[in-house]
Protein backbone atom coordinates (compact mmCIF):
# COMPACT_ATOMS: atom_id res chain seq x y z
CA MET A 1 -24.91 -39.99 10.67
CA PRO A 2 -25.03 -37.87 13.86
CA SER A 3 -27.71 -38.62 16.43
CA THR A 4 -29.53 -36.51 19.01
CA GLY A 5 -27.31 -35.49 21.90
CA GLN A 6 -24.03 -35.81 20.00
CA ILE A 7 -21.57 -32.95 19.59
CA VAL A 8 -21.11 -32.01 15.93
CA LEU A 9 -18.79 -29.55 14.17
CA LEU A 10 -20.19 -27.12 11.60
CA VAL A 11 -17.73 -25.09 9.52
CA SER A 12 -18.86 -21.86 7.87
CA PRO A 13 -17.82 -20.65 4.37
CA ARG A 14 -15.19 -18.44 6.01
CA GLY A 15 -13.82 -21.25 8.17
CA LYS A 16 -15.51 -20.36 11.46
CA ARG A 17 -16.10 -23.50 13.50
CA TYR A 18 -19.22 -24.14 15.57
CA LEU A 19 -19.38 -26.96 18.12
CA ARG A 20 -23.01 -27.81 18.79
CA ARG A 21 -24.87 -30.47 20.71
CA LEU A 22 -27.48 -31.80 18.30
CA GLU A 23 -30.94 -31.20 19.77
CA PRO A 24 -34.30 -31.15 17.91
CA GLY A 25 -35.32 -27.61 17.02
CA ASP A 26 -32.03 -26.06 18.16
CA ASP A 27 -31.20 -24.27 14.92
CA LEU A 28 -27.82 -22.59 14.39
CA HIS A 29 -28.16 -18.81 13.88
CA THR A 30 -25.16 -17.13 12.24
CA ASN A 31 -24.30 -14.09 10.10
CA ASP A 32 -24.41 -16.49 7.13
CA GLY A 33 -28.01 -17.43 7.88
CA VAL A 34 -29.92 -20.02 9.87
CA LEU A 35 -28.99 -23.69 9.63
CA ALA A 36 -31.92 -25.91 10.57
CA ALA A 37 -31.29 -28.63 13.17
CA SER A 38 -33.53 -30.96 11.16
CA ASP A 39 -31.18 -30.62 8.16
CA VAL A 40 -28.20 -31.54 10.34
CA GLU A 41 -30.02 -34.57 11.76
CA ALA A 42 -30.77 -35.85 8.27
CA ALA A 43 -27.22 -35.39 6.95
CA GLN A 44 -24.08 -37.51 6.97
CA TYR A 45 -20.69 -36.41 8.27
CA GLY A 46 -18.85 -34.70 5.43
CA ASP A 47 -22.03 -33.36 3.81
CA VAL A 48 -22.47 -29.72 2.80
CA LEU A 49 -25.60 -28.11 4.24
CA ARG A 50 -27.05 -24.75 3.32
CA THR A 51 -28.53 -22.01 5.46
CA HIS A 52 -31.75 -20.19 4.59
CA LEU A 53 -29.49 -17.69 2.75
CA GLY A 54 -27.93 -20.45 0.69
CA LYS A 55 -24.54 -20.32 2.42
CA PRO A 56 -22.70 -23.69 2.56
CA PHE A 57 -21.70 -25.26 5.90
CA ARG A 58 -19.67 -28.46 6.21
CA LEU A 59 -20.84 -31.05 8.77
CA LEU A 60 -17.93 -32.84 10.50
CA LYS A 61 -17.33 -35.14 13.44
CA PRO A 62 -15.19 -33.17 15.92
CA THR A 63 -11.74 -34.43 16.86
CA LEU A 64 -10.25 -34.25 20.34
CA ALA A 65 -8.39 -31.10 19.26
CA ASP A 66 -11.72 -29.49 18.34
CA LEU A 67 -13.22 -30.40 21.72
CA VAL A 68 -10.22 -29.05 23.63
CA LYS A 69 -10.23 -25.71 21.80
CA GLY A 70 -14.01 -25.46 22.10
CA VAL A 71 -14.33 -25.59 25.89
CA LYS A 72 -16.08 -22.71 27.58
CA ARG A 73 -13.35 -20.88 29.44
CA LYS A 74 -12.67 -18.46 32.26
CA THR A 75 -8.98 -19.31 32.45
CA GLN A 76 -6.06 -19.85 30.08
CA ILE A 77 -6.39 -23.33 28.60
CA LEU A 78 -3.87 -25.92 27.48
CA TYR A 79 -3.61 -26.28 23.71
CA PRO A 80 -3.40 -29.46 21.61
CA LYS A 81 0.34 -29.02 20.95
CA ASP A 82 1.11 -29.37 24.67
CA ILE A 83 -1.69 -31.80 25.53
CA GLY A 84 -0.65 -34.29 22.86
CA TYR A 85 2.92 -34.49 24.15
CA VAL A 86 1.75 -34.79 27.76
CA LEU A 87 -0.62 -37.66 26.94
CA MET A 88 2.17 -39.52 25.16
CA LYS A 89 4.76 -38.96 27.89
CA LEU A 90 2.37 -39.94 30.67
CA GLY A 91 1.30 -43.05 28.78
CA VAL A 92 -2.39 -42.20 29.14
CA GLY A 93 -4.66 -44.67 27.39
CA ALA A 94 -7.74 -46.83 27.77
CA GLY A 95 -8.15 -47.92 31.38
CA SER A 96 -5.59 -45.49 32.87
CA ARG A 97 -6.10 -43.93 36.31
CA VAL A 98 -4.87 -40.34 36.13
CA VAL A 99 -4.79 -37.53 38.68
CA GLU A 100 -4.67 -33.89 37.61
CA CYS A 101 -4.53 -30.76 39.70
CA GLY A 102 -5.42 -27.30 38.49
CA SER A 103 -8.31 -28.26 36.22
CA GLY A 104 -9.22 -24.64 35.45
CA SER A 105 -11.72 -24.57 32.58
CA GLY A 106 -11.14 -28.26 31.89
CA SER A 107 -9.32 -28.48 28.55
CA MET A 108 -6.79 -31.01 29.91
CA THR A 109 -9.54 -32.80 31.82
CA VAL A 110 -11.49 -33.26 28.59
CA ALA A 111 -8.42 -34.71 26.87
CA LEU A 112 -7.67 -37.05 29.77
CA ALA A 113 -11.28 -38.26 30.02
CA HIS A 114 -11.43 -38.86 26.27
CA SER A 115 -8.16 -40.82 26.40
CA VAL A 116 -8.84 -43.08 29.40
CA GLY A 117 -12.19 -44.18 27.99
CA SER A 118 -15.07 -45.75 29.90
CA GLY A 119 -12.74 -48.21 31.64
CA GLY A 120 -10.42 -45.55 33.05
CA ARG A 121 -10.74 -42.80 35.63
CA VAL A 122 -9.64 -39.18 35.94
CA TYR A 123 -9.42 -37.57 39.38
CA SER A 124 -9.46 -33.82 38.86
CA TYR A 125 -8.54 -31.43 41.70
CA GLU A 126 -9.28 -27.70 41.70
CA GLN A 127 -9.09 -25.28 44.61
CA ARG A 128 -11.68 -22.79 43.31
CA GLN A 129 -15.31 -23.84 43.17
CA GLU A 130 -16.21 -21.72 40.12
CA PHE A 131 -13.49 -23.36 38.03
CA ALA A 132 -14.45 -26.84 39.20
CA ASP A 133 -18.06 -26.11 38.21
CA LEU A 134 -16.99 -24.87 34.77
CA CYS A 135 -14.79 -27.92 34.24
CA ARG A 136 -17.74 -30.16 35.13
CA GLU A 137 -20.00 -28.22 32.76
CA ASN A 138 -17.60 -28.76 29.86
CA LEU A 139 -17.30 -32.47 30.65
CA GLU A 140 -21.08 -32.87 30.74
CA ARG A 141 -21.43 -30.96 27.49
CA TYR A 142 -19.11 -33.45 25.76
CA GLY A 143 -20.57 -36.53 27.44
CA LEU A 144 -17.35 -37.25 29.34
CA ALA A 145 -18.44 -36.56 32.92
CA GLY A 146 -18.83 -40.27 33.70
CA GLN A 147 -15.06 -40.80 33.49
CA VAL A 148 -14.16 -37.99 35.91
CA GLU A 149 -14.38 -37.37 39.65
CA ASN A 150 -14.03 -33.70 40.57
CA PHE A 151 -12.59 -32.59 43.91
CA VAL A 152 -12.63 -29.03 45.28
CA ARG A 153 -9.62 -29.09 47.55
CA ASP A 154 -6.26 -27.54 48.33
CA ILE A 155 -3.83 -30.35 47.53
CA ALA A 156 -1.63 -29.19 50.41
CA ASP A 157 -4.05 -31.38 52.40
CA GLY A 158 -3.18 -34.33 50.16
CA PHE A 159 -4.92 -36.37 47.48
CA GLU A 160 -7.27 -39.26 48.01
CA ASP A 161 -5.62 -42.69 47.82
CA HIS A 162 -5.99 -43.18 44.05
CA GLN A 163 -2.75 -45.13 43.38
CA ALA A 164 -2.56 -43.32 40.08
CA ASP A 165 -0.81 -44.46 36.92
CA ALA A 166 0.10 -40.83 36.11
CA LEU A 167 -0.14 -37.32 37.51
CA PHE A 168 -0.42 -33.91 35.86
CA LEU A 169 0.25 -30.84 38.02
CA ASP A 170 -0.68 -27.42 36.64
CA VAL A 171 -0.09 -25.28 39.74
CA ARG A 172 2.05 -22.23 40.37
CA THR A 173 4.43 -23.76 42.95
CA PRO A 174 4.53 -27.51 42.25
CA TRP A 175 7.76 -28.00 44.25
CA GLU A 176 5.66 -27.46 47.39
CA TYR A 177 3.55 -30.56 46.63
CA LEU A 178 6.10 -33.25 45.78
CA GLU A 179 5.32 -35.24 48.94
CA GLN A 180 1.65 -35.30 47.95
CA ALA A 181 2.63 -36.31 44.41
CA GLU A 182 4.78 -39.13 45.73
CA ALA A 183 1.94 -40.41 47.91
CA VAL A 184 -0.65 -40.58 45.12
CA LEU A 185 1.53 -42.17 42.42
CA SER A 186 2.20 -45.85 41.99
CA PRO A 187 5.96 -46.62 42.05
CA GLY A 188 7.58 -45.97 38.69
CA SER A 189 4.72 -43.80 37.44
CA PRO A 190 5.29 -40.58 35.47
CA VAL A 191 4.37 -37.04 36.44
CA ALA A 192 4.16 -33.90 34.30
CA PHE A 193 4.29 -30.24 35.32
CA LEU A 194 3.35 -27.11 33.37
CA LEU A 195 5.08 -23.84 34.25
CA PRO A 196 5.33 -20.53 32.35
CA THR A 197 8.75 -19.21 33.41
CA VAL A 198 12.36 -20.39 33.57
CA SER A 199 12.76 -19.41 37.23
CA GLN A 200 9.84 -21.65 38.22
CA VAL A 201 11.28 -24.59 36.28
CA GLU A 202 14.64 -24.08 38.02
CA GLN A 203 12.98 -24.21 41.43
CA LEU A 204 11.10 -27.34 40.45
CA LEU A 205 14.22 -29.11 39.18
CA ALA A 206 16.11 -28.28 42.38
CA ALA A 207 13.27 -29.75 44.45
CA LEU A 208 13.00 -32.87 42.26
CA GLU A 209 16.70 -33.58 42.86
CA LYS A 210 15.98 -33.95 46.58
CA ALA A 211 12.82 -36.04 46.14
CA PRO A 212 12.25 -39.63 44.93
CA PHE A 213 11.92 -38.58 41.30
CA ASP A 214 14.25 -39.20 38.38
CA ASP A 215 14.30 -39.40 34.57
CA LEU A 216 13.87 -35.64 34.24
CA GLU A 217 13.03 -33.84 31.01
CA VAL A 218 12.17 -30.21 30.22
CA VAL A 219 10.66 -29.34 26.86
CA GLU A 220 8.99 -26.46 25.05
CA VAL A 221 6.63 -27.39 22.22
CA LEU A 222 6.43 -24.96 19.28
CA VAL A 223 4.17 -25.26 16.24
CA ARG A 224 4.81 -23.48 12.94
CA ARG A 225 2.12 -23.95 10.31
CA TRP A 226 2.73 -23.59 6.59
CA LYS A 227 0.43 -22.15 3.95
CA ALA A 228 -0.94 -25.29 2.26
CA VAL A 229 -0.85 -23.96 -1.30
CA PRO A 230 1.19 -26.10 -3.74
CA ASP A 231 2.70 -23.27 -5.75
CA ARG A 232 3.15 -20.91 -2.77
CA LEU A 233 4.25 -23.25 0.01
CA ARG A 234 5.79 -21.19 2.79
CA PRO A 235 5.44 -20.68 6.56
CA GLU A 236 2.47 -18.83 7.97
CA ASP A 237 3.16 -15.29 9.14
CA ARG A 238 2.36 -16.23 12.74
CA MET A 239 3.13 -19.32 14.79
CA VAL A 240 2.03 -20.92 18.05
CA ALA A 241 5.19 -20.39 20.05
CA HIS A 242 5.78 -20.38 23.82
CA THR A 243 2.78 -21.36 25.92
CA GLY A 244 4.71 -22.98 28.78
CA PHE A 245 7.51 -25.30 29.81
CA LEU A 246 6.66 -28.97 30.30
CA THR A 247 8.71 -30.86 32.90
CA PHE A 248 8.51 -34.63 33.22
CA ALA A 249 9.79 -37.03 35.88
CA ARG A 250 9.19 -40.51 37.24
CA HIS A 251 8.44 -41.52 40.81
CA GLN A 252 11.56 -43.59 41.51
CA ASN A 253 14.71 -43.35 43.56
CA PRO A 254 17.51 -41.56 41.67
CA VAL A 255 20.69 -43.45 40.77
CA ASP A 256 24.09 -41.75 40.87
CA MET A 257 25.55 -41.57 37.38
CA ALA A 258 28.80 -43.11 38.64
CA ASP A 259 26.89 -46.24 39.74
CA MET A 260 25.53 -46.92 36.26
CA GLY A 261 28.72 -48.63 35.07
CA ALA A 262 29.42 -46.19 32.27
CA THR A 263 32.45 -43.95 31.92
CA LEU A 264 31.40 -40.36 32.42
CA GLY A 265 32.52 -37.65 30.03
CA THR A 266 33.87 -34.30 31.20
CA ARG A 267 30.49 -32.57 31.00
CA GLN A 268 28.71 -35.41 32.81
CA ARG A 269 31.32 -35.42 35.60
CA LYS A 270 30.90 -31.68 36.10
CA GLN A 271 27.10 -31.99 36.11
CA GLU A 272 27.21 -34.83 38.63
CA ALA A 273 29.66 -32.95 40.86
CA ALA A 274 27.43 -29.87 40.79
CA ARG A 275 24.39 -32.00 41.63
CA GLN A 276 26.15 -33.56 44.60
CA GLU A 277 27.18 -30.10 45.82
CA ARG A 278 23.57 -28.88 45.62
CA LEU A 279 22.32 -31.92 47.55
CA ALA A 280 25.01 -31.49 50.21
CA ALA A 281 24.18 -27.79 50.57
CA ALA A 282 20.49 -28.64 50.92
CA GLU A 283 21.26 -31.21 53.64
CA ASP A 284 23.40 -28.69 55.54
CA GLY A 285 20.56 -26.17 55.33
CA ASP A 286 18.07 -28.68 56.69
CA GLU A 287 20.38 -29.53 59.63
CA ASN A 288 20.89 -25.86 60.47
CA ASP A 289 17.13 -25.31 60.50
């Protein structure tokens, strides 16, 4: 049974979803009628409630995906398909200490705070005050503000000394902040980056080659839903396709492939030779500067 102050999910007959903080007297007014707050307080999760017009609403306990999609927003948000993979790859769980930069409206911050629990900590950096305020508002709305410290700062000036277990960077030019990322991460810890275009990912990869990061991965997460009708099972007409490229790395010194004791194939030898050429060219450029 929901209690006062909790966030509940109410689903209309047409599938519209309403996230509401349960407060006495705060009735839900919709085109399908008014749903009394007292009826919600007296119900159990899973019950069907009716408005004053007799329209049925389902009372549910919201999932993390519901919370993420329900944040108040002034910016583009991250969606569950990307957030879920990031949380898994970064190893975020109860008690984790995670730094994020580029909190925006706070969808990723909500997911991180929910995942680290009361024993963990999220350090969220945002350069613009209005976005930091909105992120904080969403956290407070969901009762997650206690797990998060918000900083309004340009990370070019560096992070606080958090010794983080993981880092998520959602900024336009992350290759400019790899020194700051290295300083805030504990050795061996993972970092994730979100970028919208191929050219940005290429610049990031080139910079990661010259920095103490390894174990690189670039992925794009696509979701295609199917119509859940037994005798007409087929894909939906639309799908959630490209929202961004996710790049992952670990804070560790790279190891040359030739030093790993394995015989390299033709493709691997060419890739390693090209990598060494890029590194040599970068060193020559630094010396000339």
